[in-house]
Structure formats: C-alpha cells, structure tokens
Amino acid sequence: RVTFEYPEEVIKEHITGRVNITFCINTDGTITTISVKAPHKLLENEAKRVIESLPTLIPAKDKEGKPTEVAITYPINFNLSW
C-alpha cells in the first residue's frame, strides 16, 4: 500500500503546486520514472517516491496481446486548503 505524505517542510513553508510526473510501465510491469516537473524540489521528491512505491502493475498489451511499454504523465496537486 502506497501512502502519500505531505513533507513537513513543505507544510511549514506553505509550498503548493502541481507536479507532472512521467513514468513508464515496462513490459514486466515495473515502473521507471522518466521525468518530474514541479515548482519545488521537495514536491518532486514526494511525487517520485509515491510513483516508485507502486507495486508491480499489469503491463499494457499490443494488438497481438504481447506486453508493451507505455508512458504515462500523471499530475499530482499539492494543495494546503484546510
């Protein structure tokens, strides 16, 4: 189970923003991080940690039913609105 954690320093400094993380699900279901773009390095680190903590996934398949790599870009919003 992957648990998202808002870094303490980020809370103290009221850092918010959107992180766009691009990763690849390989033919064996493992994940490789390709790129992470965020307004702050601490947000990048947490987004990367969460994605890399995911369990092995079921890979995509091509038209012939063979496993294939797929790249995904996923936005993660860090928001302190409480």
C-alpha atoms as a PDB file:
ATOM      1  CA  ARG A   1       0.000   0.000   0.000  1.00  0.00           C
ATOM      2  CA  VAL A   2       1.379   3.391  -1.024  1.00  0.00           C
ATOM      3  CA  THR A   3       0.867   6.244   1.409  1.00  0.00           C
ATOM      4  CA  PHE A   4       1.079   9.837   0.244  1.00  0.00           C
ATOM      5  CA  GLU A   5       2.906  12.081   2.717  1.00  0.00           C
ATOM      6  CA  TYR A   6       2.929  15.857   2.596  1.00  0.00           C
ATOM      7  CA  PRO A   7       6.530  16.768   3.539  1.00  0.00           C
ATOM      8  CA  GLU A   8       6.687  18.689   6.830  1.00  0.00           C
ATOM      9  CA  GLU A   9       8.963  21.395   5.436  1.00  0.00           C
ATOM     10  CA  VAL A  10       6.511  21.955   2.568  1.00  0.00           C
ATOM     11  CA  ILE A  11       3.690  22.470   5.076  1.00  0.00           C
ATOM     12  CA  LYS A  12       5.770  24.919   7.129  1.00  0.00           C
ATOM     13  CA  GLU A  13       6.667  26.947   4.052  1.00  0.00           C
ATOM     14  CA  HIS A  14       3.135  26.693   2.533  1.00  0.00           C
ATOM     15  CA  ILE A  15       4.502  25.324  -0.729  1.00  0.00           C
ATOM     16  CA  THR A  16       1.784  24.219  -3.126  1.00  0.00           C
ATOM     17  CA  GLY A  17       1.541  23.416  -6.790  1.00  0.00           C
ATOM     18  CA  ARG A  18       1.116  20.808  -9.456  1.00  0.00           C
ATOM     19  CA  VAL A  19       3.698  18.132 -10.114  1.00  0.00           C
ATOM     20  CA  ASN A  20       3.674  16.462 -13.517  1.00  0.00           C
ATOM     21  CA  ILE A  21       5.398  13.117 -13.365  1.00  0.00           C
ATOM     22  CA  THR A  22       6.026  10.994 -16.427  1.00  0.00           C
ATOM     23  CA  PHE A  23       6.812   7.342 -15.909  1.00  0.00           C
ATOM     24  CA  CYS A  24       6.984   4.176 -17.937  1.00  0.00           C
ATOM     25  CA  ILE A  25       5.233   0.915 -17.133  1.00  0.00           C
ATOM     26  CA  ASN A  26       7.661  -1.633 -18.553  1.00  0.00           C
ATOM     27  CA  THR A  27       6.776  -4.929 -20.241  1.00  0.00           C
ATOM     28  CA  ASP A  28       7.288  -6.734 -16.922  1.00  0.00           C
ATOM     29  CA  GLY A  29       5.023  -4.302 -15.023  1.00  0.00           C
ATOM     30  CA  THR A  30       7.834  -2.478 -13.237  1.00  0.00           C
ATOM     31  CA  ILE A  31       7.931   1.325 -13.211  1.00  0.00           C
ATOM     32  CA  THR A  32      10.700   3.605 -14.430  1.00  0.00           C
ATOM     33  CA  THR A  33      10.494   7.331 -13.733  1.00  0.00           C
ATOM     34  CA  ILE A  34      11.168   9.410 -16.811  1.00  0.00           C
ATOM     35  CA  SER A  35      10.713  12.995 -15.631  1.00  0.00           C
ATOM     36  CA  VAL A  36       9.298  15.037 -12.778  1.00  0.00           C
ATOM     37  CA  LYS A  37       8.428  18.733 -13.078  1.00  0.00           C
ATOM     38  CA  ALA A  38       7.336  20.712 -10.044  1.00  0.00           C
ATOM     39  CA  PRO A  39       7.551  24.196  -8.553  1.00  0.00           C
ATOM     40  CA  HIS A  40       9.730  22.886  -5.698  1.00  0.00           C
ATOM     41  CA  LYS A  41      12.282  20.055  -5.308  1.00  0.00           C
ATOM     42  CA  LEU A  42      10.520  18.672  -2.189  1.00  0.00           C
ATOM     43  CA  LEU A  43       7.297  18.228  -4.178  1.00  0.00           C
ATOM     44  CA  GLU A  44       9.251  16.474  -6.921  1.00  0.00           C
ATOM     45  CA  ASN A  45      10.818  14.103  -4.418  1.00  0.00           C
ATOM     46  CA  GLU A  46       7.491  13.116  -2.838  1.00  0.00           C
ATOM     47  CA  ALA A  47       5.762  12.578  -6.191  1.00  0.00           C
ATOM     48  CA  LYS A  48       8.658  10.418  -7.367  1.00  0.00           C
ATOM     49  CA  ARG A  49       8.635   8.424  -4.107  1.00  0.00           C
ATOM     50  CA  VAL A  50       4.907   7.695  -4.447  1.00  0.00           C
ATOM     51  CA  ILE A  51       5.141   6.522  -8.064  1.00  0.00           C
ATOM     52  CA  GLU A  52       8.229   4.404  -7.401  1.00  0.00           C
ATOM     53  CA  SER A  53       6.472   2.799  -4.400  1.00  0.00           C
ATOM     54  CA  LEU A  54       3.677   1.386  -6.554  1.00  0.00           C
ATOM     55  CA  PRO A  55       3.589  -2.404  -6.763  1.00  0.00           C
ATOM     56  CA  THR A  56       4.332  -4.258  -9.978  1.00  0.00           C
ATOM     57  CA  LEU A  57       1.491  -3.493 -12.385  1.00  0.00           C
ATOM     58  CA  ILE A  58      -0.110  -5.412 -15.227  1.00  0.00           C
ATOM     59  CA  PRO A  59       1.597  -4.136 -18.393  1.00  0.00           C
ATOM     60  CA  ALA A  60      -0.289  -2.869 -21.417  1.00  0.00           C
ATOM     61  CA  LYS A  61      -0.633  -5.207 -24.392  1.00  0.00           C
ATOM     62  CA  ASP A  62      -0.331  -4.508 -28.080  1.00  0.00           C
ATOM     63  CA  LYS A  63      -2.818  -5.643 -30.734  1.00  0.00           C
ATOM     64  CA  GLU A  64      -1.204  -9.093 -30.760  1.00  0.00           C
ATOM     65  CA  GLY A  65      -1.560  -9.475 -26.993  1.00  0.00           C
ATOM     66  CA  LYS A  66       2.145  -9.050 -26.253  1.00  0.00           C
ATOM     67  CA  PRO A  67       3.194  -6.894 -23.272  1.00  0.00           C
ATOM     68  CA  THR A  68       4.334  -3.436 -24.308  1.00  0.00           C
ATOM     69  CA  GLU A  69       5.811  -0.430 -22.556  1.00  0.00           C
ATOM     70  CA  VAL A  70       3.593   2.568 -22.035  1.00  0.00           C
ATOM     71  CA  ALA A  71       4.498   6.077 -20.880  1.00  0.00           C
ATOM     72  CA  ILE A  72       2.071   7.914 -18.614  1.00  0.00           C
ATOM     73  CA  THR A  73       2.065  11.528 -17.478  1.00  0.00           C
ATOM     74  CA  TYR A  74       0.207  11.951 -14.203  1.00  0.00           C
ATOM     75  CA  PRO A  75      -0.494  15.239 -12.418  1.00  0.00           C
ATOM     76  CA  ILE A  76      -0.338  15.367  -8.617  1.00  0.00           C
ATOM     77  CA  ASN A  77      -1.709  18.503  -6.963  1.00  0.00           C
ATOM     78  CA  PHE A  78      -0.210  19.603  -3.660  1.00  0.00           C
ATOM     79  CA  ASN A  79      -2.772  21.844  -2.004  1.00  0.00           C
ATOM     80  CA  LEU A  80      -2.918  23.260   1.532  1.00  0.00           C
ATOM     81  CA  SER A  81      -6.543  24.325   1.678  1.00  0.00           C
ATOM     82  CA  TRP A  82      -7.506  23.294   5.184  1.00  0.00           C
END
